[in-house]
Every structure is written in structure tokens, then in C-alpha cells.
Amino acid sequence: ARGAKVVVNDLGSQLSVAESVVEEIRAAGGEAIANGANVTQ
């Protein structure tokens, strides 16, 4: 909302929820991509 381009990360098994957040951001005119990286790897 403040203009940042955002990588929306959530664990691969939860990637669909990250993609939903990306769609919210895009619908509001922002830029975002989803990523399923495991932060322990």
C-alpha cells in the first residue's frame, strides 16, 4: 500500500495463501510475486 514491490513468501505447502495475498496486492494496483521457499533451507 506504501508502494513497495513485495515477495510474498510462505512455505511451499501454503503457496496458495501467498498467491491470494499477491492477488490482493495486484487488485489494489501493486506489484507482488509469490514464493514458497522454506526459510530453513
Full PDB file with SEQRES, HELIX, SHEET, SSBOND, CRYST1, ORIGX, SCALE, CONECT and MASTER records, all heavy atoms in Angstrom:
SEQRES   1 A   41  ALA ARG GLY ALA LYS VAL VAL VAL ASN ASP LEU GLY SER          
SEQRES   2 A   41  GLN LEU SER VAL ALA GLU SER VAL VAL GLU GLU ILE ARG          
SEQRES   3 A   41  ALA ALA GLY GLY GLU ALA ILE ALA ASN GLY ALA ASN VAL          
SEQRES   4 A   41  THR GLN                                                      
HELIX    1 AA1 GLY A   12  GLN A   14  5                                   3    
HELIX    2 AA2 LEU A   15  ALA A   27  1                                  13    
SHEET    1 AA1 2 VAL A   6  ASN A   9  0                                        
SHEET    2 AA1 2 ALA A  32  ASN A  35  1                                        
CRYST1    1.000    1.000    1.000  90.00  90.00  90.00 P 1           1          
ORIGX1      1.000000  0.000000  0.000000        0.00000                         
ORIGX2      0.000000  1.000000  0.000000        0.00000                         
ORIGX3      0.000000  0.000000  1.000000        0.00000                         
SCALE1      1.000000  0.000000  0.000000        0.00000                         
SCALE2      0.000000  1.000000  0.000000        0.00000                         
SCALE3      0.000000  0.000000  1.000000        0.00000                         
ATOM      1  N   ALA A   1       0.831  -1.213   0.000  1.00  0.00           N  
ATOM      2  CA  ALA A   1       0.000   0.000   0.000  1.00  0.00           C  
ATOM      3  C   ALA A   1       0.860   1.256   0.000  1.00  0.00           C  
ATOM      4  O   ALA A   1       0.413   2.319  -0.443  1.00  0.00           O  
ATOM      5  CB  ALA A   1      -0.932  -0.003   1.210  1.00  0.00           C  
ATOM      6  N   ARG A   2       2.097   1.130   0.491  1.00  0.00           N  
ATOM      7  CA  ARG A   2       3.021   2.266   0.527  1.00  0.00           C  
ATOM      8  C   ARG A   2       3.955   2.276  -0.682  1.00  0.00           C  
ATOM      9  O   ARG A   2       4.934   3.013  -0.711  1.00  0.00           O  
ATOM     10  CB  ARG A   2       3.802   2.237   1.831  1.00  0.00           C  
ATOM     11  CG  ARG A   2       2.926   2.603   3.019  1.00  0.00           C  
ATOM     12  CD  ARG A   2       3.519   2.162   4.348  1.00  0.00           C  
ATOM     13  NE  ARG A   2       2.653   2.524   5.456  1.00  0.00           N  
ATOM     14  CZ  ARG A   2       1.593   1.831   5.839  1.00  0.00           C  
ATOM     15  NH1 ARG A   2       1.238   0.720   5.209  1.00  0.00           N  
ATOM     16  NH2 ARG A   2       0.855   2.230   6.863  1.00  0.00           N  
ATOM     17  N   GLY A   3       3.668   1.421  -1.660  1.00  0.00           N  
ATOM     18  CA  GLY A   3       4.407   1.447  -2.910  1.00  0.00           C  
ATOM     19  C   GLY A   3       5.504   0.426  -3.078  1.00  0.00           C  
ATOM     20  O   GLY A   3       6.154   0.390  -4.125  1.00  0.00           O  
ATOM     21  N   ALA A   4       5.748  -0.405  -2.074  1.00  0.00           N  
ATOM     22  CA  ALA A   4       6.803  -1.415  -2.215  1.00  0.00           C  
ATOM     23  C   ALA A   4       6.347  -2.545  -3.134  1.00  0.00           C  
ATOM     24  O   ALA A   4       5.168  -2.898  -3.170  1.00  0.00           O  
ATOM     25  CB  ALA A   4       7.175  -1.985  -0.844  1.00  0.00           C  
ATOM     26  N   LYS A   5       7.298  -3.085  -3.858  1.00  0.00           N  
ATOM     27  CA  LYS A   5       7.093  -4.320  -4.612  1.00  0.00           C  
ATOM     28  C   LYS A   5       7.403  -5.444  -3.627  1.00  0.00           C  
ATOM     29  O   LYS A   5       8.423  -5.394  -2.950  1.00  0.00           O  
ATOM     30  CB  LYS A   5       8.012  -4.348  -5.814  1.00  0.00           C  
ATOM     31  CG  LYS A   5       7.753  -3.210  -6.793  1.00  0.00           C  
ATOM     32  CD  LYS A   5       8.905  -3.081  -7.780  1.00  0.00           C  
ATOM     33  CE  LYS A   5       8.691  -1.973  -8.757  1.00  0.00           C  
ATOM     34  NZ  LYS A   5       8.796  -0.623  -8.170  1.00  0.00           N  
ATOM     35  N   VAL A   6       6.542  -6.459  -3.554  1.00  0.00           N  
ATOM     36  CA  VAL A   6       6.626  -7.410  -2.451  1.00  0.00           C  
ATOM     37  C   VAL A   6       6.756  -8.850  -2.933  1.00  0.00           C  
ATOM     38  O   VAL A   6       5.981  -9.297  -3.784  1.00  0.00           O  
ATOM     39  CB  VAL A   6       5.391  -7.297  -1.530  1.00  0.00           C  
ATOM     40  CG1 VAL A   6       5.508  -8.247  -0.337  1.00  0.00           C  
ATOM     41  CG2 VAL A   6       5.201  -5.858  -1.047  1.00  0.00           C  
ATOM     42  N   VAL A   7       7.729  -9.557  -2.354  1.00  0.00           N  
ATOM     43  CA  VAL A   7       7.799 -11.008  -2.471  1.00  0.00           C  
ATOM     44  C   VAL A   7       7.019 -11.547  -1.277  1.00  0.00           C  
ATOM     45  O   VAL A   7       7.407 -11.331  -0.122  1.00  0.00           O  
ATOM     46  CB  VAL A   7       9.246 -11.531  -2.443  1.00  0.00           C  
ATOM     47  CG1 VAL A   7       9.254 -13.060  -2.471  1.00  0.00           C  
ATOM     48  CG2 VAL A   7      10.056 -10.959  -3.593  1.00  0.00           C  
ATOM     49  N   VAL A   8       5.912 -12.205  -1.567  1.00  0.00           N  
ATOM     50  CA  VAL A   8       5.043 -12.782  -0.539  1.00  0.00           C  
ATOM     51  C   VAL A   8       5.469 -14.233  -0.373  1.00  0.00           C  
ATOM     52  O   VAL A   8       5.169 -15.085  -1.202  1.00  0.00           O  
ATOM     53  CB  VAL A   8       3.559 -12.686  -0.946  1.00  0.00           C  
ATOM     54  CG1 VAL A   8       2.669 -13.316   0.113  1.00  0.00           C  
ATOM     55  CG2 VAL A   8       3.162 -11.230  -1.200  1.00  0.00           C  
ATOM     56  N   ASN A   9       6.206 -14.496   0.705  1.00  0.00           N  
ATOM     57  CA  ASN A   9       6.729 -15.841   0.943  1.00  0.00           C  
ATOM     58  C   ASN A   9       5.877 -16.582   1.962  1.00  0.00           C  
ATOM     59  O   ASN A   9       5.496 -16.027   2.990  1.00  0.00           O  
ATOM     60  CB  ASN A   9       8.180 -15.751   1.457  1.00  0.00           C  
ATOM     61  CG  ASN A   9       8.638 -17.055   2.070  1.00  0.00           C  
ATOM     62  OD1 ASN A   9       8.604 -17.211   3.287  1.00  0.00           O  
ATOM     63  ND2 ASN A   9       9.039 -17.993   1.250  1.00  0.00           N  
ATOM     64  N   ASP A  10       5.582 -17.808   1.633  1.00  0.00           N  
ATOM     65  CA  ASP A  10       5.020 -18.747   2.603  1.00  0.00           C  
ATOM     66  C   ASP A  10       5.451 -20.130   2.150  1.00  0.00           C  
ATOM     67  O   ASP A  10       5.679 -20.349   0.958  1.00  0.00           O  
ATOM     68  CB  ASP A  10       3.498 -18.635   2.715  1.00  0.00           C  
ATOM     69  CG  ASP A  10       3.030 -18.813   4.157  1.00  0.00           C  
ATOM     70  OD1 ASP A  10       3.389 -19.846   4.762  1.00  0.00           O  
ATOM     71  OD2 ASP A  10       2.339 -17.933   4.677  1.00  0.00           O  
ATOM     72  N   LEU A  11       5.579 -21.039   3.076  1.00  0.00           N  
ATOM     73  CA  LEU A  11       6.085 -22.376   2.791  1.00  0.00           C  
ATOM     74  C   LEU A  11       5.346 -22.990   1.612  1.00  0.00           C  
ATOM     75  O   LEU A  11       4.128 -22.814   1.477  1.00  0.00           O  
ATOM     76  CB  LEU A  11       5.953 -23.248   4.036  1.00  0.00           C  
ATOM     77  CG  LEU A  11       6.625 -24.608   3.995  1.00  0.00           C  
ATOM     78  CD1 LEU A  11       8.126 -24.481   3.749  1.00  0.00           C  
ATOM     79  CD2 LEU A  11       6.381 -25.345   5.309  1.00  0.00           C  
ATOM     80  N   GLY A  12       6.063 -23.717   0.782  1.00  0.00           N  
ATOM     81  CA  GLY A  12       5.516 -24.306  -0.439  1.00  0.00           C  
ATOM     82  C   GLY A  12       4.154 -24.938  -0.292  1.00  0.00           C  
ATOM     83  O   GLY A  12       3.285 -24.769  -1.150  1.00  0.00           O  
ATOM     84  N   SER A  13       3.916 -25.658   0.813  1.00  0.00           N  
ATOM     85  CA  SER A  13       2.610 -26.279   1.007  1.00  0.00           C  
ATOM     86  C   SER A  13       1.521 -25.237   1.239  1.00  0.00           C  
ATOM     87  O   SER A  13       0.334 -25.542   1.132  1.00  0.00           O  
ATOM     88  CB  SER A  13       2.655 -27.252   2.192  1.00  0.00           C  
ATOM     89  OG  SER A  13       2.994 -26.568   3.382  1.00  0.00           O  
ATOM     90  N   GLN A  14       1.926 -24.013   1.556  1.00  0.00           N  
ATOM     91  CA  GLN A  14       0.992 -22.911   1.783  1.00  0.00           C  
ATOM     92  C   GLN A  14       1.056 -21.869   0.666  1.00  0.00           C  
ATOM     93  O   GLN A  14       0.592 -20.754   0.826  1.00  0.00           O  
ATOM     94  CB  GLN A  14       1.311 -22.221   3.121  1.00  0.00           C  
ATOM     95  CG  GLN A  14       1.124 -23.110   4.326  1.00  0.00           C  
ATOM     96  CD  GLN A  14      -0.326 -23.479   4.519  1.00  0.00           C  
ATOM     97  OE1 GLN A  14      -1.217 -22.642   4.468  1.00  0.00           O  
ATOM     98  NE2 GLN A  14      -0.574 -24.756   4.715  1.00  0.00           N  
ATOM     99  N   LEU A  15       1.642 -22.248  -0.477  1.00  0.00           N  
ATOM    100  CA  LEU A  15       1.848 -21.284  -1.548  1.00  0.00           C  
ATOM    101  C   LEU A  15       0.542 -20.666  -2.028  1.00  0.00           C  
ATOM    102  O   LEU A  15       0.498 -19.496  -2.394  1.00  0.00           O  
ATOM    103  CB  LEU A  15       2.606 -21.926  -2.708  1.00  0.00           C  
ATOM    104  CG  LEU A  15       3.136 -20.993  -3.788  1.00  0.00           C  
ATOM    105  CD1 LEU A  15       4.027 -19.902  -3.190  1.00  0.00           C  
ATOM    106  CD2 LEU A  15       3.888 -21.770  -4.847  1.00  0.00           C  
ATOM    107  N   SER A  16      -0.556 -21.410  -1.968  1.00  0.00           N  
ATOM    108  CA  SER A  16      -1.831 -20.857  -2.436  1.00  0.00           C  
ATOM    109  C   SER A  16      -2.263 -19.658  -1.592  1.00  0.00           C  
ATOM    110  O   SER A  16      -2.852 -18.715  -2.123  1.00  0.00           O  
ATOM    111  CB  SER A  16      -2.926 -21.925  -2.435  1.00  0.00           C  
ATOM    112  OG  SER A  16      -3.164 -22.398  -1.126  1.00  0.00           O  
ATOM    113  N   VAL A  17      -1.965 -19.661  -0.295  1.00  0.00           N  
ATOM    114  CA  VAL A  17      -2.327 -18.498   0.521  1.00  0.00           C  
ATOM    115  C   VAL A  17      -1.445 -17.311   0.163  1.00  0.00           C  
ATOM    116  O   VAL A  17      -1.908 -16.172   0.150  1.00  0.00           O  
ATOM    117  CB  VAL A  17      -2.305 -18.781   2.043  1.00  0.00           C  
ATOM    118  CG1 VAL A  17      -3.370 -19.793   2.432  1.00  0.00           C  
ATOM    119  CG2 VAL A  17      -0.945 -19.225   2.530  1.00  0.00           C  
ATOM    120  N   ALA A  18      -0.174 -17.557  -0.150  1.00  0.00           N  
ATOM    121  CA  ALA A  18       0.712 -16.483  -0.603  1.00  0.00           C  
ATOM    122  C   ALA A  18       0.207 -15.917  -1.923  1.00  0.00           C  
ATOM    123  O   ALA A  18       0.192 -14.698  -2.125  1.00  0.00           O  
ATOM    124  CB  ALA A  18       2.145 -16.993  -0.744  1.00  0.00           C  
ATOM    125  N   GLU A  19      -0.229 -16.780  -2.815  1.00  0.00           N  
ATOM    126  CA  GLU A  19      -0.759 -16.323  -4.100  1.00  0.00           C  
ATOM    127  C   GLU A  19      -2.024 -15.482  -3.916  1.00  0.00           C  
ATOM    128  O   GLU A  19      -2.245 -14.525  -4.659  1.00  0.00           O  
ATOM    129  CB  GLU A  19      -1.017 -17.521  -5.009  1.00  0.00           C  
ATOM    130  CG  GLU A  19       0.282 -18.154  -5.488  1.00  0.00           C  
ATOM    131  CD  GLU A  19       0.114 -19.520  -6.136  1.00  0.00           C  
ATOM    132  OE1 GLU A  19      -0.946 -20.156  -5.968  1.00  0.00           O  
ATOM    133  OE2 GLU A  19       1.075 -19.949  -6.804  1.00  0.00           O  
ATOM    134  N   SER A  20      -2.825 -15.814  -2.907  1.00  0.00           N  
ATOM    135  CA  SER A  20      -4.017 -15.000  -2.614  1.00  0.00           C  
ATOM    136  C   SER A  20      -3.632 -13.595  -2.181  1.00  0.00           C  
ATOM    137  O   SER A  20      -4.272 -12.614  -2.572  1.00  0.00           O  
ATOM    138  CB  SER A  20      -4.861 -15.660  -1.524  1.00  0.00           C  
ATOM    139  OG  SER A  20      -5.382 -16.879  -1.965  1.00  0.00           O  
ATOM    140  N   VAL A  21      -2.588 -13.477  -1.376  1.00  0.00           N  
ATOM    141  CA  VAL A  21      -2.110 -12.160  -0.942  1.00  0.00           C  
ATOM    142  C   VAL A  21      -1.568 -11.385  -2.145  1.00  0.00           C  
ATOM    143  O   VAL A  21      -1.821 -10.187  -2.279  1.00  0.00           O  
ATOM    144  CB  VAL A  21      -1.053 -12.292   0.180  1.00  0.00           C  
ATOM    145  CG1 VAL A  21      -0.481 -10.934   0.561  1.00  0.00           C  
ATOM    146  CG2 VAL A  21      -1.655 -12.979   1.405  1.00  0.00           C  
ATOM    147  N   VAL A  22      -0.865 -12.079  -3.021  1.00  0.00           N  
ATOM    148  CA  VAL A  22      -0.359 -11.442  -4.244  1.00  0.00           C  
ATOM    149  C   VAL A  22      -1.529 -10.883  -5.052  1.00  0.00           C  
ATOM    150  O   VAL A  22      -1.469  -9.746  -5.543  1.00  0.00           O  
ATOM    151  CB  VAL A  22       0.477 -12.435  -5.090  1.00  0.00           C  
ATOM    152  CG1 VAL A  22       0.725 -11.894  -6.495  1.00  0.00           C  
ATOM    153  CG2 VAL A  22       1.793 -12.741  -4.397  1.00  0.00           C  
ATOM    154  N   GLU A  23      -2.589 -11.651  -5.182  1.00  0.00           N  
ATOM    155  CA  GLU A  23      -3.756 -11.183  -5.938  1.00  0.00           C  
ATOM    156  C   GLU A  23      -4.390  -9.958  -5.288  1.00  0.00           C  
ATOM    157  O   GLU A  23      -4.810  -9.031  -5.982  1.00  0.00           O  
ATOM    158  CB  GLU A  23      -4.772 -12.303  -6.112  1.00  0.00           C  
ATOM    159  CG  GLU A  23      -4.310 -13.390  -7.068  1.00  0.00           C  
ATOM    160  CD  GLU A  23      -3.837 -12.853  -8.414  1.00  0.00           C  
ATOM    161  OE1 GLU A  23      -4.521 -11.991  -9.010  1.00  0.00           O  
ATOM    162  OE2 GLU A  23      -2.743 -13.277  -8.868  1.00  0.00           O  
ATOM    163  N   GLU A  24      -4.438  -9.930  -3.952  1.00  0.00           N  
ATOM    164  CA  GLU A  24      -4.944  -8.743  -3.244  1.00  0.00           C  
ATOM    165  C   GLU A  24      -4.098  -7.514  -3.561  1.00  0.00           C  
ATOM    166  O   GLU A  24      -4.618  -6.430  -3.799  1.00  0.00           O  
ATOM    167  CB  GLU A  24      -4.920  -8.966  -1.727  1.00  0.00           C  
ATOM    168  CG  GLU A  24      -6.092  -9.697  -1.167  1.00  0.00           C  
ATOM    169  CD  GLU A  24      -6.040  -9.700   0.348  1.00  0.00           C  
ATOM    170  OE1 GLU A  24      -6.352  -8.651   0.971  1.00  0.00           O  
ATOM    171  OE2 GLU A  24      -5.677 -10.754   0.922  1.00  0.00           O  
ATOM    172  N   ILE A  25      -2.798  -7.701  -3.527  1.00  0.00           N  
ATOM    173  CA  ILE A  25      -1.884  -6.589  -3.807  1.00  0.00           C  
ATOM    174  C   ILE A  25      -2.062  -6.098  -5.240  1.00  0.00           C  
ATOM    175  O   ILE A  25      -2.164  -4.896  -5.486  1.00  0.00           O  
ATOM    176  CB  ILE A  25      -0.421  -7.001  -3.524  1.00  0.00           C  
ATOM    177  CG1 ILE A  25      -0.212  -7.189  -2.010  1.00  0.00           C  
ATOM    178  CG2 ILE A  25       0.571  -5.986  -4.092  1.00  0.00           C  
ATOM    179  CD1 ILE A  25       1.107  -7.847  -1.635  1.00  0.00           C  
ATOM    180  N   ARG A  26      -2.122  -7.033  -6.166  1.00  0.00           N  
ATOM    181  CA  ARG A  26      -2.282  -6.654  -7.579  1.00  0.00           C  
ATOM    182  C   ARG A  26      -3.629  -5.973  -7.826  1.00  0.00           C  
ATOM    183  O   ARG A  26      -3.707  -5.011  -8.580  1.00  0.00           O  
ATOM    184  CB  ARG A  26      -2.132  -7.877  -8.471  1.00  0.00           C  
ATOM    185  CG  ARG A  26      -0.691  -8.368  -8.540  1.00  0.00           C  
ATOM    186  CD  ARG A  26      -0.555  -9.564  -9.443  1.00  0.00           C  
ATOM    187  NE  ARG A  26       0.830 -10.021  -9.504  1.00  0.00           N  
ATOM    188  CZ  ARG A  26       1.194 -11.226  -9.889  1.00  0.00           C  
ATOM    189  NH1 ARG A  26       0.283 -12.111 -10.285  1.00  0.00           N  
ATOM    190  NH2 ARG A  26       2.462 -11.563  -9.911  1.00  0.00           N  
ATOM    191  N   ALA A  27      -4.677  -6.469  -7.178  1.00  0.00           N  
ATOM    192  CA  ALA A  27      -6.011  -5.877  -7.338  1.00  0.00           C  
ATOM    193  C   ALA A  27      -6.033  -4.431  -6.858  1.00  0.00           C  
ATOM    194  O   ALA A  27      -6.805  -3.609  -7.361  1.00  0.00           O  
ATOM    195  CB  ALA A  27      -7.048  -6.710  -6.588  1.00  0.00           C  
ATOM    196  N   ALA A  28      -5.160  -4.123  -5.890  1.00  0.00           N  
ATOM    197  CA  ALA A  28      -5.076  -2.754  -5.367  1.00  0.00           C  
ATOM    198  C   ALA A  28      -4.087  -1.901  -6.165  1.00  0.00           C  
ATOM    199  O   ALA A  28      -3.803  -0.761  -5.796  1.00  0.00           O  
ATOM    200  CB  ALA A  28      -4.674  -2.790  -3.895  1.00  0.00           C  
ATOM    201  N   GLY A  29      -3.531  -2.465  -7.250  1.00  0.00           N  
ATOM    202  CA  GLY A  29      -2.617  -1.703  -8.105  1.00  0.00           C  
ATOM    203  C   GLY A  29      -1.151  -1.885  -7.806  1.00  0.00           C  
ATOM    204  O   GLY A  29      -0.307  -1.208  -8.390  1.00  0.00           O  
ATOM    205  N   GLY A  30      -0.822  -2.794  -6.897  1.00  0.00           N  
ATOM    206  CA  GLY A  30       0.572  -3.008  -6.532  1.00  0.00           C  
ATOM    207  C   GLY A  30       1.233  -4.119  -7.318  1.00  0.00           C  
ATOM    208  O   GLY A  30       0.608  -4.763  -8.161  1.00  0.00           O  
ATOM    209  N   GLU A  31       2.512  -4.326  -7.032  1.00  0.00           N  
ATOM    210  CA  GLU A  31       3.296  -5.379  -7.669  1.00  0.00           C  
ATOM    211  C   GLU A  31       3.737  -6.376  -6.615  1.00  0.00           C  
ATOM    212  O   GLU A  31       4.236  -5.986  -5.552  1.00  0.00           O  
ATOM    213  CB  GLU A  31       4.532  -4.814  -8.352  1.00  0.00           C  
ATOM    214  CG  GLU A  31       4.254  -3.980  -9.574  1.00  0.00           C  
ATOM    215  CD  GLU A  31       5.544  -3.566 -10.267  1.00  0.00           C  
ATOM    216  OE1 GLU A  31       6.364  -4.453 -10.606  1.00  0.00           O  
ATOM    217  OE2 GLU A  31       5.735  -2.348 -10.437  1.00  0.00           O  
ATOM    218  N   ALA A  32       3.574  -7.672  -6.921  1.00  0.00           N  
ATOM    219  CA  ALA A  32       3.977  -8.714  -5.980  1.00  0.00           C  
ATOM    220  C   ALA A  32       4.155 -10.033  -6.711  1.00  0.00           C  
ATOM    221  O   ALA A  32       3.573 -10.250  -7.777  1.00  0.00           O  
ATOM    222  CB  ALA A  32       2.933  -8.868  -4.880  1.00  0.00           C  
ATOM    223  N   ILE A  33       4.983 -10.884  -6.125  1.00  0.00           N  
ATOM    224  CA  ILE A  33       5.134 -12.262  -6.582  1.00  0.00           C  
ATOM    225  C   ILE A  33       5.075 -13.174  -5.364  1.00  0.00           C  
ATOM    226  O   ILE A  33       5.443 -12.770  -4.264  1.00  0.00           O  
ATOM    227  CB  ILE A  33       6.450 -12.486  -7.370  1.00  0.00           C  
ATOM    228  CG1 ILE A  33       7.681 -12.112  -6.534  1.00  0.00           C  
ATOM    229  CG2 ILE A  33       6.414 -11.743  -8.697  1.00  0.00           C  
ATOM    230  CD1 ILE A  33       9.023 -12.458  -7.206  1.00  0.00           C  
ATOM    231  N   ALA A  34       4.612 -14.386  -5.579  1.00  0.00           N  
ATOM    232  CA  ALA A  34       4.573 -15.383  -4.514  1.00  0.00           C  
ATOM    233  C   ALA A  34       5.832 -16.228  -4.576  1.00  0.00           C  
ATOM    234  O   ALA A  34       6.409 -16.436  -5.650  1.00  0.00           O  
ATOM    235  CB  ALA A  34       3.339 -16.266  -4.660  1.00  0.00           C  
ATOM    236  N   ASN A  35       6.251 -16.725  -3.406  1.00  0.00           N  
ATOM    237  CA  ASN A  35       7.420 -17.585  -3.339  1.00  0.00           C  
ATOM    238  C   ASN A  35       7.227 -18.583  -2.211  1.00  0.00           C  
ATOM    239  O   ASN A  35       6.833 -18.201  -1.113  1.00  0.00           O  
ATOM    240  CB  ASN A  35       8.684 -16.760  -3.117  1.00  0.00           C  
ATOM    241  CG  ASN A  35       9.917 -17.615  -3.190  1.00  0.00           C  
ATOM    242  OD1 ASN A  35      10.236 -18.318  -2.242  1.00  0.00           O  
ATOM    243  ND2 ASN A  35      10.588 -17.578  -4.326  1.00  0.00           N  
ATOM    244  N   GLY A  36       7.537 -19.843  -2.475  1.00  0.00           N  
ATOM    245  CA  GLY A  36       7.329 -20.906  -1.493  1.00  0.00           C  
ATOM    246  C   GLY A  36       8.584 -21.388  -0.805  1.00  0.00           C  
ATOM    247  O   GLY A  36       8.601 -22.495  -0.261  1.00  0.00           O  
ATOM    248  N   ALA A  37       9.638 -20.592  -0.771  1.00  0.00           N  
ATOM    249  CA  ALA A  37      10.893 -21.015  -0.149  1.00  0.00           C  
ATOM    250  C   ALA A  37      10.685 -21.384   1.313  1.00  0.00           C  
ATOM    251  O   ALA A  37       9.956 -20.726   2.050  1.00  0.00           O  
ATOM    252  CB  ALA A  37      11.940 -19.906  -0.249  1.00  0.00           C  
ATOM    253  N   ASN A  38      11.369 -22.445   1.725  1.00  0.00           N  
ATOM    254  CA  ASN A  38      11.418 -22.844   3.127  1.00  0.00           C  
ATOM    255  C   ASN A  38      12.558 -22.057   3.766  1.00  0.00           C  
ATOM    256  O   ASN A  38      13.719 -22.197   3.354  1.00  0.00           O  
ATOM    257  CB  ASN A  38      11.677 -24.352   3.214  1.00  0.00           C  
ATOM    258  CG  ASN A  38      11.747 -24.868   4.623  1.00  0.00           C  
ATOM    259  OD1 ASN A  38      12.068 -24.150   5.563  1.00  0.00           O  
ATOM    260  ND2 ASN A  38      11.456 -26.153   4.785  1.00  0.00           N  
ATOM    261  N   VAL A  39      12.255 -21.230   4.757  1.00  0.00           N  
ATOM    262  CA  VAL A  39      13.264 -20.343   5.343  1.00  0.00           C  
ATOM    263  C   VAL A  39      14.382 -21.085   6.058  1.00  0.00           C  
ATOM    264  O   VAL A  39      15.411 -20.490   6.367  1.00  0.00           O  
ATOM    265  CB  VAL A  39      12.635 -19.282   6.287  1.00  0.00           C  
ATOM    266  CG1 VAL A  39      11.672 -18.389   5.522  1.00  0.00           C  
ATOM    267  CG2 VAL A  39      11.972 -19.933   7.503  1.00  0.00           C  
ATOM    268  N   THR A  40      14.214 -22.380   6.291  1.00  0.00           N  
ATOM    269  CA  THR A  40      15.271 -23.161   6.940  1.00  0.00           C  
ATOM    270  C   THR A  40      16.257 -23.738   5.926  1.00  0.00           C  
ATOM    271  O   THR A  40      17.226 -24.388   6.323  1.00  0.00           O  
ATOM    272  CB  THR A  40      14.700 -24.306   7.796  1.00  0.00           C  
ATOM    273  OG1 THR A  40      14.110 -25.289   6.941  1.00  0.00           O  
ATOM    274  CG2 THR A  40      13.679 -23.795   8.801  1.00  0.00           C  
ATOM    275  N   GLN A  41      16.016 -23.485   4.650  1.00  0.00           N  
ATOM    276  CA  GLN A  41      16.856 -24.048   3.587  1.00  0.00           C  
ATOM    277  C   GLN A  41      17.600 -22.932   2.848  1.00  0.00           C  
ATOM    278  O   GLN A  41      16.999 -22.214   2.045  1.00  0.00           O  
ATOM    279  CB  GLN A  41      15.994 -24.850   2.605  1.00  0.00           C  
ATOM    280  CG  GLN A  41      15.239 -26.001   3.243  1.00  0.00           C  
ATOM    281  CD  GLN A  41      16.179 -27.001   3.904  1.00  0.00           C  
ATOM    282  OE1 GLN A  41      17.178 -27.425   3.321  1.00  0.00           O  
ATOM    283  NE2 GLN A  41      15.871 -27.363   5.145  1.00  0.00           N  
TER     284      GLN A  41                                                      
MASTER        0    0    0    2    2    0    0    6  283    1    0    4          
END                                                                             
